[in-house]
């Protein structure tokens, strides 16, 4: 019975860690959606000069979008990894209980 208690403790610790990664993932998912919406609104405006189109790539908003895409992808990877680990641990724990 002691092994199951240790496994359960490990599982609850993993669960807490997964929740932290889930919150970070959700934060960047929402933030990225807002940044993309803002970028889309800019793109839908009338462009009067081709020079403006070529100059847009270096704007702070665009750079912020690119940075947050990277952060989102990283947080998504960690969240999915934590979820897989949790699935594996709960499967092992349930097998021990049988």
PDB file of N, CA and C in Angstrom:
ATOM      1  N   UNK A   1       0.817  -1.194   0.000  1.00  0.00           N
ATOM      2  CA  UNK A   1       0.000   0.000   0.000  1.00  0.00           C
ATOM      3  C   UNK A   1       0.865   1.264   0.000  1.00  0.00           C
ATOM      4  N   UNK A   2       2.045   1.181   0.565  1.00  0.00           N
ATOM      5  CA  UNK A   2       2.939   2.329   0.613  1.00  0.00           C
ATOM      6  C   UNK A   2       3.347   2.804  -0.765  1.00  0.00           C
ATOM      7  N   UNK A   3       3.571   1.847  -1.701  1.00  0.00           N
ATOM      8  CA  UNK A   3       3.944   2.217  -3.067  1.00  0.00           C
ATOM      9  C   UNK A   3       2.840   3.014  -3.744  1.00  0.00           C
ATOM     10  N   UNK A   4       1.605   2.628  -3.492  1.00  0.00           N
ATOM     11  CA  UNK A   4       0.474   3.323  -4.109  1.00  0.00           C
ATOM     12  C   UNK A   4       0.375   4.747  -3.562  1.00  0.00           C
ATOM     13  N   UNK A   5       0.642   4.913  -2.274  1.00  0.00           N
ATOM     14  CA  UNK A   5       0.605   6.256  -1.687  1.00  0.00           C
ATOM     15  C   UNK A   5       1.692   7.146  -2.283  1.00  0.00           C
ATOM     16  N   UNK A   6       2.878   6.570  -2.502  1.00  0.00           N
ATOM     17  CA  UNK A   6       3.970   7.318  -3.121  1.00  0.00           C
ATOM     18  C   UNK A   6       3.590   7.680  -4.555  1.00  0.00           C
ATOM     19  N   UNK A   7       3.032   6.706  -5.293  1.00  0.00           N
ATOM     20  CA  UNK A   7       2.600   6.972  -6.666  1.00  0.00           C
ATOM     21  C   UNK A   7       1.526   8.053  -6.704  1.00  0.00           C
ATOM     22  N   UNK A   8       0.622   8.001  -5.744  1.00  0.00           N
ATOM     23  CA  UNK A   8      -0.446   9.000  -5.693  1.00  0.00           C
ATOM     24  C   UNK A   8       0.138  10.389  -5.416  1.00  0.00           C
ATOM     25  N   UNK A   9       1.107  10.462  -4.534  1.00  0.00           N
ATOM     26  CA  UNK A   9       1.769  11.737  -4.217  1.00  0.00           C
ATOM     27  C   UNK A   9       2.462  12.292  -5.465  1.00  0.00           C
ATOM     28  N   UNK A  10       3.149  11.424  -6.190  1.00  0.00           N
ATOM     29  CA  UNK A  10       3.817  11.843  -7.426  1.00  0.00           C
ATOM     30  C   UNK A  10       2.774  12.339  -8.426  1.00  0.00           C
ATOM     31  N   UNK A  11       1.673  11.601  -8.524  1.00  0.00           N
ATOM     32  CA  UNK A  11       0.606  11.983  -9.443  1.00  0.00           C
ATOM     33  C   UNK A  11       0.026  13.352  -9.090  1.00  0.00           C
ATOM     34  N   UNK A  12      -0.220  13.607  -7.826  1.00  0.00           N
ATOM     35  CA  UNK A  12      -0.782  14.908  -7.432  1.00  0.00           C
ATOM     36  C   UNK A  12       0.219  16.042  -7.689  1.00  0.00           C
ATOM     37  N   UNK A  13       1.502  15.775  -7.474  1.00  0.00           N
ATOM     38  CA  UNK A  13       2.524  16.786  -7.785  1.00  0.00           C
ATOM     39  C   UNK A  13       2.564  17.084  -9.290  1.00  0.00           C
ATOM     40  N   UNK A  14       2.478  16.019 -10.093  1.00  0.00           N
ATOM     41  CA  UNK A  14       2.449  16.203 -11.544  1.00  0.00           C
ATOM     42  C   UNK A  14       1.202  16.975 -11.972  1.00  0.00           C
ATOM     43  N   UNK A  15       0.111  16.696 -11.300  1.00  0.00           N
ATOM     44  CA  UNK A  15      -1.143  17.372 -11.603  1.00  0.00           C
ATOM     45  C   UNK A  15      -1.042  18.879 -11.339  1.00  0.00           C
ATOM     46  N   UNK A  16      -0.424  19.228 -10.238  1.00  0.00           N
ATOM     47  CA  UNK A  16      -0.233  20.645  -9.913  1.00  0.00           C
ATOM     48  C   UNK A  16       0.682  21.313 -10.943  1.00  0.00           C
ATOM     49  N   UNK A  17       1.740  20.629 -11.337  1.00  0.00           N
ATOM     50  CA  UNK A  17       2.650  21.161 -12.346  1.00  0.00           C
ATOM     51  C   UNK A  17       1.962  21.325 -13.693  1.00  0.00           C
ATOM     52  N   UNK A  18       1.106  20.375 -14.041  1.00  0.00           N
ATOM     53  CA  UNK A  18       0.366  20.456 -15.295  1.00  0.00           C
ATOM     54  C   UNK A  18      -0.577  21.651 -15.276  1.00  0.00           C
ATOM     55  N   UNK A  19      -1.176  21.918 -14.141  1.00  0.00           N
ATOM     56  CA  UNK A  19      -2.092  23.053 -14.033  1.00  0.00           C
ATOM     57  C   UNK A  19      -1.353  24.380 -14.269  1.00  0.00           C
ATOM     58  N   UNK A  20      -0.138  24.468 -13.770  1.00  0.00           N
ATOM     59  CA  UNK A  20       0.675  25.669 -14.006  1.00  0.00           C
ATOM     60  C   UNK A  20       0.942  25.835 -15.504  1.00  0.00           C
ATOM     61  N   UNK A  21       1.311  24.747 -16.171  1.00  0.00           N
ATOM     62  CA  UNK A  21       1.584  24.824 -17.609  1.00  0.00           C
ATOM     63  C   UNK A  21       0.305  25.095 -18.395  1.00  0.00           C
ATOM     64  N   UNK A  22      -0.828  24.585 -17.920  1.00  0.00           N
ATOM     65  CA  UNK A  22      -2.101  24.837 -18.591  1.00  0.00           C
ATOM     66  C   UNK A  22      -2.456  26.327 -18.530  1.00  0.00           C
ATOM     67  N   UNK A  23      -2.251  26.935 -17.365  1.00  0.00           N
ATOM     68  CA  UNK A  23      -2.552  28.357 -17.210  1.00  0.00           C
ATOM     69  C   UNK A  23      -1.675  29.206 -18.124  1.00  0.00           C
ATOM     70  N   UNK A  24      -0.408  28.856 -18.223  1.00  0.00           N
ATOM     71  CA  UNK A  24       0.509  29.594 -19.090  1.00  0.00           C
ATOM     72  C   UNK A  24       0.105  29.420 -20.557  1.00  0.00           C
ATOM     73  N   UNK A  25      -0.243  28.191 -20.929  1.00  0.00           N
ATOM     74  CA  UNK A  25      -0.700  27.900 -22.288  1.00  0.00           C
ATOM     75  C   UNK A  25      -1.961  28.707 -22.607  1.00  0.00           C
ATOM     76  N   UNK A  26      -2.902  28.711 -21.701  1.00  0.00           N
ATOM     77  CA  UNK A  26      -4.155  29.444 -21.905  1.00  0.00           C
ATOM     78  C   UNK A  26      -3.886  30.949 -22.020  1.00  0.00           C
ATOM     79  N   UNK A  27      -2.993  31.454 -21.187  1.00  0.00           N
ATOM     80  CA  UNK A  27      -2.630  32.876 -21.238  1.00  0.00           C
ATOM     81  C   UNK A  27      -2.128  33.258 -22.626  1.00  0.00           C
ATOM     82  N   UNK A  28      -1.185  32.486 -23.151  1.00  0.00           N
ATOM     83  CA  UNK A  28      -0.622  32.810 -24.458  1.00  0.00           C
ATOM     84  C   UNK A  28      -1.609  32.546 -25.587  1.00  0.00           C
ATOM     85  N   UNK A  29      -2.505  31.586 -25.427  1.00  0.00           N
ATOM     86  CA  UNK A  29      -3.519  31.324 -26.446  1.00  0.00           C
ATOM     87  C   UNK A  29      -4.440  32.540 -26.589  1.00  0.00           C
ATOM     88  N   UNK A  30      -4.897  33.058 -25.455  1.00  0.00           N
ATOM     89  CA  UNK A  30      -5.779  34.226 -25.468  1.00  0.00           C
ATOM     90  C   UNK A  30      -5.031  35.465 -25.972  1.00  0.00           C
ATOM     91  N   UNK A  31      -3.817  35.660 -25.482  1.00  0.00           N
ATOM     92  CA  UNK A  31      -3.019  36.821 -25.881  1.00  0.00           C
ATOM     93  C   UNK A  31      -2.746  36.801 -27.385  1.00  0.00           C
ATOM     94  N   UNK A  32      -2.404  35.645 -27.901  1.00  0.00           N
ATOM     95  CA  UNK A  32      -2.114  35.505 -29.320  1.00  0.00           C
ATOM     96  C   UNK A  32      -3.361  35.778 -30.159  1.00  0.00           C
ATOM     97  N   UNK A  33      -4.508  35.316 -29.695  1.00  0.00           N
ATOM     98  CA  UNK A  33      -5.753  35.580 -30.423  1.00  0.00           C
ATOM     99  C   UNK A  33      -6.011  37.086 -30.502  1.00  0.00           C
ATOM    100  N   UNK A  34      -5.775  37.795 -29.402  1.00  0.00           N
ATOM    101  CA  UNK A  34      -5.973  39.248 -29.394  1.00  0.00           C
ATOM    102  C   UNK A  34      -4.979  39.944 -30.325  1.00  0.00           C
ATOM    103  N   UNK A  35      -3.729  39.514 -30.289  1.00  0.00           N
ATOM    104  CA  UNK A  35      -2.723  40.130 -31.155  1.00  0.00           C
ATOM    105  C   UNK A  35      -3.021  39.868 -32.628  1.00  0.00           C
ATOM    106  N   UNK A  36      -3.485  38.662 -32.940  1.00  0.00           N
ATOM    107  CA  UNK A  36      -3.827  38.338 -34.332  1.00  0.00           C
ATOM    108  C   UNK A  36      -5.036  39.153 -34.790  1.00  0.00           C
ATOM    109  N   UNK A  37      -5.985  39.332 -33.891  1.00  0.00           N
ATOM    110  CA  UNK A  37      -7.155  40.143 -34.219  1.00  0.00           C
ATOM    111  C   UNK A  37      -6.741  41.595 -34.499  1.00  0.00           C
ATOM    112  N   UNK A  38      -5.847  42.110 -33.671  1.00  0.00           N
ATOM    113  CA  UNK A  38      -5.345  43.475 -33.851  1.00  0.00           C
ATOM    114  C   UNK A  38      -4.598  43.598 -35.180  1.00  0.00           C
ATOM    115  N   UNK A  39      -3.789  42.591 -35.490  1.00  0.00           N
ATOM    116  CA  UNK A  39      -3.022  42.576 -36.744  1.00  0.00           C
ATOM    117  C   UNK A  39      -3.969  42.496 -37.940  1.00  0.00           C
ATOM    118  N   UNK A  40      -5.031  41.712 -37.823  1.00  0.00           N
ATOM    119  CA  UNK A  40      -5.994  41.577 -38.915  1.00  0.00           C
ATOM    120  C   UNK A  40      -6.725  42.892 -39.164  1.00  0.00           C
ATOM    121  N   UNK A  41      -7.024  43.615 -38.098  1.00  0.00           N
ATOM    122  CA  UNK A  41      -7.686  44.915 -38.262  1.00  0.00           C
ATOM    123  C   UNK A  41      -6.786  45.887 -39.011  1.00  0.00           C
ATOM    124  N   UNK A  42      -5.492  45.838 -38.703  1.00  0.00           N
ATOM    125  CA  UNK A  42      -4.546  46.705 -39.421  1.00  0.00           C
ATOM    126  C   UNK A  42      -4.477  46.322 -40.895  1.00  0.00           C
ATOM    127  N   UNK A  43      -4.461  45.009 -41.154  1.00  0.00           N
ATOM    128  CA  UNK A  43      -4.372  44.534 -42.533  1.00  0.00           C
ATOM    129  C   UNK A  43      -5.600  44.887 -43.346  1.00  0.00           C
ATOM    130  N   UNK A  44      -6.750  45.024 -42.696  1.00  0.00           N
ATOM    131  CA  UNK A  44      -7.978  45.301 -43.433  1.00  0.00           C
ATOM    132  C   UNK A  44      -8.117  46.777 -43.797  1.00  0.00           C
ATOM    133  N   UNK A  45      -7.255  47.622 -43.242  1.00  0.00           N
ATOM    134  CA  UNK A  45      -7.298  49.055 -43.569  1.00  0.00           C
ATOM    135  C   UNK A  45      -6.860  49.297 -45.002  1.00  0.00           C
ATOM    136  N   UNK A  46      -7.245  50.434 -45.529  1.00  0.00           N
ATOM    137  CA  UNK A  46      -6.853  50.792 -46.897  1.00  0.00           C
ATOM    138  C   UNK A  46      -5.367  51.120 -46.953  1.00  0.00           C
ATOM    139  N   UNK A  47      -4.685  50.548 -47.918  1.00  0.00           N
ATOM    140  CA  UNK A  47      -3.268  50.828 -48.126  1.00  0.00           C
ATOM    141  C   UNK A  47      -3.157  51.745 -49.334  1.00  0.00           C
ATOM    142  N   UNK A  48      -2.552  52.894 -49.117  1.00  0.00           N
ATOM    143  CA  UNK A  48      -2.455  53.871 -50.206  1.00  0.00           C
ATOM    144  C   UNK A  48      -1.128  53.800 -50.934  1.00  0.00           C
ATOM    145  N   UNK A  49      -0.155  53.126 -50.341  1.00  0.00           N
ATOM    146  CA  UNK A  49       1.165  53.082 -50.958  1.00  0.00           C
ATOM    147  C   UNK A  49       1.786  51.715 -50.746  1.00  0.00           C
ATOM    148  N   UNK A  50       2.475  51.229 -51.773  1.00  0.00           N
ATOM    149  CA  UNK A  50       3.165  49.954 -51.650  1.00  0.00           C
ATOM    150  C   UNK A  50       4.278  49.999 -50.629  1.00  0.00           C
ATOM    151  N   UNK A  51       4.863  51.178 -50.413  1.00  0.00           N
ATOM    152  CA  UNK A  51       5.950  51.330 -49.440  1.00  0.00           C
ATOM    153  C   UNK A  51       5.468  51.023 -48.031  1.00  0.00           C
ATOM    154  N   UNK A  52       4.238  51.342 -47.745  1.00  0.00           N
ATOM    155  CA  UNK A  52       3.690  51.053 -46.412  1.00  0.00           C
ATOM    156  C   UNK A  52       3.628  49.551 -46.187  1.00  0.00           C
ATOM    157  N   UNK A  53       3.247  48.809 -47.197  1.00  0.00           N
ATOM    158  CA  UNK A  53       3.156  47.351 -47.068  1.00  0.00           C
ATOM    159  C   UNK A  53       4.517  46.742 -46.750  1.00  0.00           C
ATOM    160  N   UNK A  54       5.564  47.219 -47.414  1.00  0.00           N
ATOM    161  CA  UNK A  54       6.880  46.652 -47.185  1.00  0.00           C
ATOM    162  C   UNK A  54       7.464  47.075 -45.839  1.00  0.00           C
ATOM    163  N   UNK A  55       7.058  48.181 -45.324  1.00  0.00           N
ATOM    164  CA  UNK A  55       7.571  48.694 -44.064  1.00  0.00           C
ATOM    165  C   UNK A  55       6.896  48.063 -42.856  1.00  0.00           C
ATOM    166  N   UNK A  56       5.765  47.410 -43.025  1.00  0.00           N
ATOM    167  CA  UNK A  56       4.972  46.895 -41.920  1.00  0.00           C
ATOM    168  C   UNK A  56       5.680  45.789 -41.148  1.00  0.00           C
ATOM    169  N   UNK A  57       6.544  45.025 -41.786  1.00  0.00           N
ATOM    170  CA  UNK A  57       7.157  43.872 -41.137  1.00  0.00           C
ATOM    171  C   UNK A  57       7.952  44.209 -39.893  1.00  0.00           C
ATOM    172  N   UNK A  58       8.417  45.420 -39.742  1.00  0.00           N
ATOM    173  CA  UNK A  58       9.259  45.768 -38.609  1.00  0.00           C
ATOM    174  C   UNK A  58       8.537  46.481 -37.487  1.00  0.00           C
ATOM    175  N   UNK A  59       7.234  46.562 -37.531  1.00  0.00           N
ATOM    176  CA  UNK A  59       6.508  47.275 -36.485  1.00  0.00           C
ATOM    177  C   UNK A  59       6.594  46.548 -35.156  1.00  0.00           C
ATOM    178  N   UNK A  60       6.437  47.310 -34.093  1.00  0.00           N
ATOM    179  CA  UNK A  60       6.497  46.725 -32.751  1.00  0.00           C
ATOM    180  C   UNK A  60       5.378  45.721 -32.538  1.00  0.00           C
ATOM    181  N   UNK A  61       4.196  46.023 -33.068  1.00  0.00           N
ATOM    182  CA  UNK A  61       3.078  45.088 -32.908  1.00  0.00           C
ATOM    183  C   UNK A  61       3.359  43.764 -33.606  1.00  0.00           C
ATOM    184  N   UNK A  62       3.947  43.852 -34.782  1.00  0.00           N
ATOM    185  CA  UNK A  62       4.273  42.618 -35.511  1.00  0.00           C
ATOM    186  C   UNK A  62       5.352  41.826 -34.769  1.00  0.00           C
ATOM    187  N   UNK A  63       6.356  42.520 -34.276  1.00  0.00           N
ATOM    188  CA  UNK A  63       7.411  41.855 -33.509  1.00  0.00           C
ATOM    189  C   UNK A  63       6.846  41.204 -32.246  1.00  0.00           C
ATOM    190  N   UNK A  64       5.911  41.879 -31.593  1.00  0.00           N
ATOM    191  CA  UNK A  64       5.259  41.332 -30.404  1.00  0.00           C
ATOM    192  C   UNK A  64       4.485  40.063 -30.770  1.00  0.00           C
ATOM    193  N   UNK A  65       3.821  40.097 -31.913  1.00  0.00           N
ATOM    194  CA  UNK A  65       3.080  38.926 -32.383  1.00  0.00           C
ATOM    195  C   UNK A  65       4.023  37.749 -32.603  1.00  0.00           C
ATOM    196  N   UNK A  66       5.136  37.991 -33.263  1.00  0.00           N
ATOM    197  CA  UNK A  66       6.106  36.920 -33.544  1.00  0.00           C
ATOM    198  C   UNK A  66       6.660  36.337 -32.233  1.00  0.00           C
ATOM    199  N   UNK A  67       7.014  37.203 -31.290  1.00  0.00           N
ATOM    200  CA  UNK A  67       7.525  36.731 -29.996  1.00  0.00           C
ATOM    201  C   UNK A  67       6.496  35.875 -29.268  1.00  0.00           C
ATOM    202  N   UNK A  68       5.251  36.309 -29.309  1.00  0.00           N
ATOM    203  CA  UNK A  68       4.214  35.582 -28.593  1.00  0.00           C
ATOM    204  C   UNK A  68       3.833  34.277 -29.279  1.00  0.00           C
ATOM    205  N   UNK A  69       4.007  34.200 -30.588  1.00  0.00           N
ATOM    206  CA  UNK A  69       3.799  32.921 -31.278  1.00  0.00           C
ATOM    207  C   UNK A  69       4.811  31.903 -30.752  1.00  0.00           C
ATOM    208  N   UNK A  70       6.058  32.335 -30.606  1.00  0.00           N
ATOM    209  CA  UNK A  70       7.101  31.444 -30.085  1.00  0.00           C
ATOM    210  C   UNK A  70       6.777  31.006 -28.654  1.00  0.00           C
ATOM    211  N   UNK A  71       6.351  31.953 -27.826  1.00  0.00           N
ATOM    212  CA  UNK A  71       6.008  31.629 -26.438  1.00  0.00           C
ATOM    213  C   UNK A  71       4.806  30.692 -26.378  1.00  0.00           C
ATOM    214  N   UNK A  72       3.838  30.925 -27.259  1.00  0.00           N
ATOM    215  CA  UNK A  72       2.657  30.064 -27.314  1.00  0.00           C
ATOM    216  C   UNK A  72       3.048  28.640 -27.689  1.00  0.00           C
ATOM    217  N   UNK A  73       3.870  28.500 -28.720  1.00  0.00           N
ATOM    218  CA  UNK A  73       4.286  27.172 -29.170  1.00  0.00           C
ATOM    219  C   UNK A  73       5.055  26.437 -28.081  1.00  0.00           C
ATOM    220  N   UNK A  74       5.899  27.153 -27.375  1.00  0.00           N
ATOM    221  CA  UNK A  74       6.665  26.553 -26.282  1.00  0.00           C
ATOM    222  C   UNK A  74       5.727  26.111 -25.155  1.00  0.00           C
ATOM    223  N   UNK A  75       4.797  26.970 -24.772  1.00  0.00           N
ATOM    224  CA  UNK A  75       3.865  26.617 -23.697  1.00  0.00           C
ATOM    225  C   UNK A  75       2.946  25.473 -24.119  1.00  0.00           C
ATOM    226  N   UNK A  76       2.573  25.435 -25.397  1.00  0.00           N
ATOM    227  CA  UNK A  76       1.751  24.336 -25.907  1.00  0.00           C
ATOM    228  C   UNK A  76       2.507  23.013 -25.807  1.00  0.00           C
ATOM    229  N   UNK A  77       3.775  23.046 -26.171  1.00  0.00           N
ATOM    230  CA  UNK A  77       4.607  21.839 -26.087  1.00  0.00           C
ATOM    231  C   UNK A  77       4.687  21.333 -24.640  1.00  0.00           C
ATOM    232  N   UNK A  78       4.961  22.228 -23.695  1.00  0.00           N
ATOM    233  CA  UNK A  78       5.062  21.837 -22.288  1.00  0.00           C
ATOM    234  C   UNK A  78       3.737  21.319 -21.746  1.00  0.00           C
ATOM    235  N   UNK A  79       2.637  21.947 -22.144  1.00  0.00           N
ATOM    236  CA  UNK A  79       1.326  21.502 -21.682  1.00  0.00           C
ATOM    237  C   UNK A  79       0.995  20.113 -22.221  1.00  0.00           C
ATOM    238  N   UNK A  80       1.236  19.892 -23.501  1.00  0.00           N
ATOM    239  CA  UNK A  80       0.968  18.568 -24.084  1.00  0.00           C
ATOM    240  C   UNK A  80       1.869  17.503 -23.470  1.00  0.00           C
ATOM    241  N   UNK A  81       3.114  17.853 -23.222  1.00  0.00           N
ATOM    242  CA  UNK A  81       4.044  16.919 -22.599  1.00  0.00           C
ATOM    243  C   UNK A  81       3.588  16.559 -21.186  1.00  0.00           C
ATOM    244  N   UNK A  82       3.171  17.565 -20.422  1.00  0.00           N
ATOM    245  CA  UNK A  82       2.683  17.318 -19.057  1.00  0.00           C
ATOM    246  C   UNK A  82       1.424  16.461 -19.078  1.00  0.00           C
ATOM    247  N   UNK A  83       0.571  16.676 -20.061  1.00  0.00           N
ATOM    248  CA  UNK A  83      -0.650  15.882 -20.181  1.00  0.00           C
ATOM    249  C   UNK A  83      -0.326  14.428 -20.493  1.00  0.00           C
ATOM    250  N   UNK A  84       0.612  14.207 -21.413  1.00  0.00           N
ATOM    251  CA  UNK A  84       1.017  12.829 -21.732  1.00  0.00           C
ATOM    252  C   UNK A  84       1.608  12.134 -20.505  1.00  0.00           C
ATOM    253  N   UNK A  85       2.457  12.844 -19.773  1.00  0.00           N
ATOM    254  CA  UNK A  85       3.060  12.276 -18.564  1.00  0.00           C
ATOM    255  C   UNK A  85       1.985  11.913 -17.555  1.00  0.00           C
ATOM    256  N   UNK A  86       1.008  12.791 -17.376  1.00  0.00           N
ATOM    257  CA  UNK A  86      -0.095  12.521 -16.448  1.00  0.00           C
ATOM    258  C   UNK A  86      -0.877  11.287 -16.886  1.00  0.00           C
ATOM    259  N   UNK A  87      -1.142  11.182 -18.168  1.00  0.00           N
ATOM    260  CA  UNK A  87      -1.878  10.022 -18.683  1.00  0.00           C
ATOM    261  C   UNK A  87      -1.127   8.729 -18.401  1.00  0.00           C
ATOM    262  N   UNK A  88       0.183   8.753 -18.613  1.00  0.00           N
ATOM    263  CA  UNK A  88       0.999   7.564 -18.356  1.00  0.00           C
ATOM    264  C   UNK A  88       0.991   7.197 -16.874  1.00  0.00           C
ATOM    265  N   UNK A  89       1.147   8.192 -16.017  1.00  0.00           N
ATOM    266  CA  UNK A  89       1.197   7.939 -14.571  1.00  0.00           C
ATOM    267  C   UNK A  89      -0.139   7.440 -14.036  1.00  0.00           C
ATOM    268  N   UNK A  90      -1.234   7.999 -14.509  1.00  0.00           N
ATOM    269  CA  UNK A  90      -2.541   7.553 -14.017  1.00  0.00           C
ATOM    270  C   UNK A  90      -2.828   6.135 -14.501  1.00  0.00           C
ATOM    271  N   UNK A  91      -2.384   5.805 -15.694  1.00  0.00           N
ATOM    272  CA  UNK A  91      -2.554   4.435 -16.216  1.00  0.00           C
ATOM    273  C   UNK A  91      -1.785   3.451 -15.335  1.00  0.00           C
ATOM    274  N   UNK A  92      -0.542   3.788 -14.996  1.00  0.00           N
ATOM    275  CA  UNK A  92       0.254   2.916 -14.113  1.00  0.00           C
ATOM    276  C   UNK A  92      -0.369   2.809 -12.718  1.00  0.00           C
ATOM    277  N   UNK A  93      -0.847   3.910 -12.198  1.00  0.00           N
ATOM    278  CA  UNK A  93      -1.468   3.920 -10.882  1.00  0.00           C
ATOM    279  C   UNK A  93      -2.717   3.054 -10.862  1.00  0.00           C
ATOM    280  N   UNK A  94      -3.532   3.159 -11.899  1.00  0.00           N
ATOM    281  CA  UNK A  94      -4.760   2.350 -11.972  1.00  0.00           C
ATOM    282  C   UNK A  94      -4.438   0.865 -12.115  1.00  0.00           C
ATOM    283  N   UNK A  95      -3.390   0.534 -12.843  1.00  0.00           N
ATOM    284  CA  UNK A  95      -2.994  -0.872 -12.982  1.00  0.00           C
ATOM    285  C   UNK A  95      -2.556  -1.432 -11.637  1.00  0.00           C
ATOM    286  N   UNK A  96      -1.857  -0.631 -10.852  1.00  0.00           N
ATOM    287  CA  UNK A  96      -1.420  -1.083  -9.529  1.00  0.00           C
ATOM    288  C   UNK A  96      -2.600  -1.290  -8.593  1.00  0.00           C
ATOM    289  N   UNK A  97      -3.627  -0.486  -8.761  1.00  0.00           N
ATOM    290  CA  UNK A  97      -4.798  -0.599  -7.899  1.00  0.00           C
ATOM    291  C   UNK A  97      -5.628  -1.839  -8.225  1.00  0.00           C
ATOM    292  N   UNK A  98      -5.528  -2.324  -9.454  1.00  0.00           N
ATOM    293  CA  UNK A  98      -6.295  -3.534  -9.853  1.00  0.00           C
ATOM    294  C   UNK A  98      -5.773  -4.771  -9.239  1.00  0.00           C
TER     295      UNK A  98
END
